[in-house]
C-alpha atoms as a PDB file:
ATOM      1  CA  MET A   1     -11.897   2.620   7.726  1.00  0.00           C
ATOM      2  CA  ARG A   2     -11.142  -0.290   5.357  1.00  0.00           C
ATOM      3  CA  LEU A   3     -14.464  -0.096   3.699  1.00  0.00           C
ATOM      4  CA  ALA A   4     -13.916   3.059   2.804  1.00  0.00           C
ATOM      5  CA  LYS A   5     -10.512   2.784   1.522  1.00  0.00           C
ATOM      6  CA  GLU A   6     -11.922  -0.526  -0.445  1.00  0.00           C
ATOM      7  CA  GLU A   7     -14.617   1.363  -2.249  1.00  0.00           C
ATOM      8  CA  GLU A   8     -12.384   4.264  -2.725  1.00  0.00           C
ATOM      9  CA  ARG A   9     -13.783   7.051  -0.827  1.00  0.00           C
ATOM     10  CA  LEU A  10     -10.754   7.351   1.181  1.00  0.00           C
ATOM     11  CA  SER A  11      -7.121   7.520   0.715  1.00  0.00           C
ATOM     12  CA  GLY A  12      -4.291   7.081   2.470  1.00  0.00           C
ATOM     13  CA  THR A  13      -0.761   7.802   1.768  1.00  0.00           C
ATOM     14  CA  LYS A  14       2.597   6.268   0.598  1.00  0.00           C
ATOM     15  CA  ILE A  15       6.193   6.396   1.961  1.00  0.00           C
ATOM     16  CA  CYS A  16       7.175   5.747  -1.776  1.00  0.00           C
ATOM     17  CA  LYS A  17       5.802   5.096  -4.763  1.00  0.00           C
ATOM     18  CA  SER A  18       6.023   1.281  -5.342  1.00  0.00           C
ATOM     19  CA  THR A  19       4.257   0.700  -1.961  1.00  0.00           C
ATOM     20  CA  LEU A  20       0.740   0.006  -0.653  1.00  0.00           C
ATOM     21  CA  GLU A  21      -1.136   3.276   0.711  1.00  0.00           C
ATOM     22  CA  ILE A  22      -1.590   3.377   4.440  1.00  0.00           C
ATOM     23  CA  SER A  23      -4.719   4.484   5.927  1.00  0.00           C
ATOM     24  CA  HIS A  24      -4.813   3.853   9.228  1.00  0.00           C
ATOM     25  CA  LEU A  25      -2.162   2.304  11.628  1.00  0.00           C
ATOM     26  CA  MET A  26      -4.048   0.645  15.198  1.00  0.00           C
ATOM     27  CA  PHE A  27      -2.418  -0.355  17.930  1.00  0.00           C
ATOM     28  CA  THR A  28      -3.638  -1.489  21.442  1.00  0.00           C
ATOM     29  CA  ASP A  29      -4.444   1.515  22.809  1.00  0.00           C
ATOM     30  CA  ASP A  30      -3.959   4.130  19.834  1.00  0.00           C
ATOM     31  CA  CYS A  31      -4.628   4.609  16.522  1.00  0.00           C
ATOM     32  CA  ILE A  32      -3.049   6.947  13.666  1.00  0.00           C
ATOM     33  CA  LEU A  33      -5.162   7.860  10.813  1.00  0.00           C
ATOM     34  CA  PHE A  34      -3.486   9.184   7.262  1.00  0.00           C
ATOM     35  CA  GLY A  35      -5.464  10.866   4.702  1.00  0.00           C
ATOM     36  CA  ASP A  36      -5.443  13.531   1.916  1.00  0.00           C
ATOM     37  CA  ALA A  37      -6.434  17.478   2.501  1.00  0.00           C
ATOM     38  CA  SER A  38      -9.365  16.767  -0.035  1.00  0.00           C
ATOM     39  CA  GLU A  39     -13.132  16.102  -0.069  1.00  0.00           C
ATOM     40  CA  ARG A  40     -12.089  13.016   0.330  1.00  0.00           C
ATOM     41  CA  GLY A  41     -10.517  13.114   3.349  1.00  0.00           C
ATOM     42  CA  VAL A  42     -13.655  14.960   4.373  1.00  0.00           C
ATOM     43  CA  VAL A  43     -15.126  10.696   4.704  1.00  0.00           C
ATOM     44  CA  LEU A  44     -12.960  10.660   7.275  1.00  0.00           C
ATOM     45  CA  LYS A  45     -14.801  12.936   9.675  1.00  0.00           C
ATOM     46  CA  SER A  46     -17.834  10.928   9.220  1.00  0.00           C
ATOM     47  CA  ILE A  47     -16.174   7.275   9.660  1.00  0.00           C
ATOM     48  CA  LEU A  48     -15.211   9.219  13.102  1.00  0.00           C
ATOM     49  CA  LYS A  49     -18.534  10.268  13.931  1.00  0.00           C
ATOM     50  CA  GLU A  50     -19.852   6.950  13.626  1.00  0.00           C
ATOM     51  CA  TYR A  51     -17.199   5.057  15.542  1.00  0.00           C
ATOM     52  CA  LYS A  52     -18.015   7.927  18.260  1.00  0.00           C
ATOM     53  CA  ASP A  53     -21.592   7.472  17.936  1.00  0.00           C
ATOM     54  CA  PHE A  54     -20.932   3.725  18.505  1.00  0.00           C
ATOM     55  CA  SER A  55     -18.702   3.250  21.185  1.00  0.00           C
ATOM     56  CA  ASP A  56     -21.266   5.376  22.811  1.00  0.00           C
ATOM     57  CA  GLN A  57     -23.695   2.886  23.042  1.00  0.00           C
ATOM     58  CA  VAL A  58     -21.456   0.108  23.620  1.00  0.00           C
ATOM     59  CA  LYS A  59     -20.265   2.706  26.898  1.00  0.00           C
ATOM     60  CA  GLU A  60     -23.597   2.589  27.772  1.00  0.00           C
ATOM     61  CA  LEU A  61     -24.633  -0.929  27.605  1.00  0.00           C
ATOM     62  CA  VAL A  62     -21.572  -2.129  29.595  1.00  0.00           C
ATOM     63  CA  SER A  63     -22.084   0.567  32.025  1.00  0.00           C
ATOM     64  CA  GLN A  64     -25.673  -0.625  32.182  1.00  0.00           C
ATOM     65  CA  SER A  65     -24.858  -4.337  32.398  1.00  0.00           C
ATOM     66  CA  LEU A  66     -22.140  -4.181  34.691  1.00  0.00           C
ATOM     67  CA  GLY A  67     -24.141  -1.299  37.129  1.00  0.00           C
ATOM     68  CA  VAL A  68     -20.967   1.095  37.025  1.00  0.00           C
ATOM     69  CA  GLN A  69     -20.915   4.540  35.898  1.00  0.00           C
ATOM     70  CA  TYR A  70     -18.474   6.028  33.415  1.00  0.00           C
ATOM     71  CA  SER A  71     -16.811   9.649  33.366  1.00  0.00           C
ATOM     72  CA  THR A  72     -17.654  12.279  31.016  1.00  0.00           C
ATOM     73  CA  GLU A  73     -14.586  13.947  32.188  1.00  0.00           C
ATOM     74  CA  LEU A  74     -12.207  14.271  29.401  1.00  0.00           C
ATOM     75  CA  LYS A  75      -9.540  16.343  31.586  1.00  0.00           C
ATOM     76  CA  LYS A  76      -8.494  13.001  33.677  1.00  0.00           C
ATOM     77  CA  TYR A  77      -8.116   9.542  33.262  1.00  0.00           C
ATOM     78  CA  LEU A  78      -8.332   7.040  35.696  1.00  0.00           C
ATOM     79  CA  GLY A  79      -8.292  10.166  37.889  1.00  0.00           C
ATOM     80  CA  LEU A  80      -4.908  11.626  36.379  1.00  0.00           C
ATOM     81  CA  PRO A  81      -4.565  14.464  34.178  1.00  0.00           C
ATOM     82  CA  ASN A  82      -5.207  13.754  30.910  1.00  0.00           C
ATOM     83  CA  MET A  83      -2.086  15.397  29.599  1.00  0.00           C
ATOM     84  CA  VAL A  84       1.544  16.340  31.098  1.00  0.00           C
ATOM     85  CA  GLY A  85       3.198  19.405  30.087  1.00  0.00           C
ATOM     86  CA  ARG A  86       1.813  22.377  28.274  1.00  0.00           C
ATOM     87  CA  GLU A  87      -1.919  22.505  28.522  1.00  0.00           C
ATOM     88  CA  ASN A  88      -2.563  24.267  25.533  1.00  0.00           C
ATOM     89  CA  PHE A  89      -1.326  22.190  22.974  1.00  0.00           C
ATOM     90  CA  LYS A  90      -2.380  23.097  19.596  1.00  0.00           C
ATOM     91  CA  ILE A  91      -2.639  21.455  16.019  1.00  0.00           C
END
């Protein structure tokens, strides 16, 4: 994200005219991404795909190193439902 922003392949959003653009906010277990709905915004999709591909490799490496299996079940996390409340949430 930072590299794409520095190369001006990705833009973020501003709170007001005199502030820096925000492209992403990262927290301990969460990330919020900001972008525009243009062709430049498509870069975000490629960044997320690259992140997913790399994460899959790391997940496999950690799984093999520790001798444990990982879950591909997306409906549950730690045995609990991934979402509480409305099941058909749409953006």
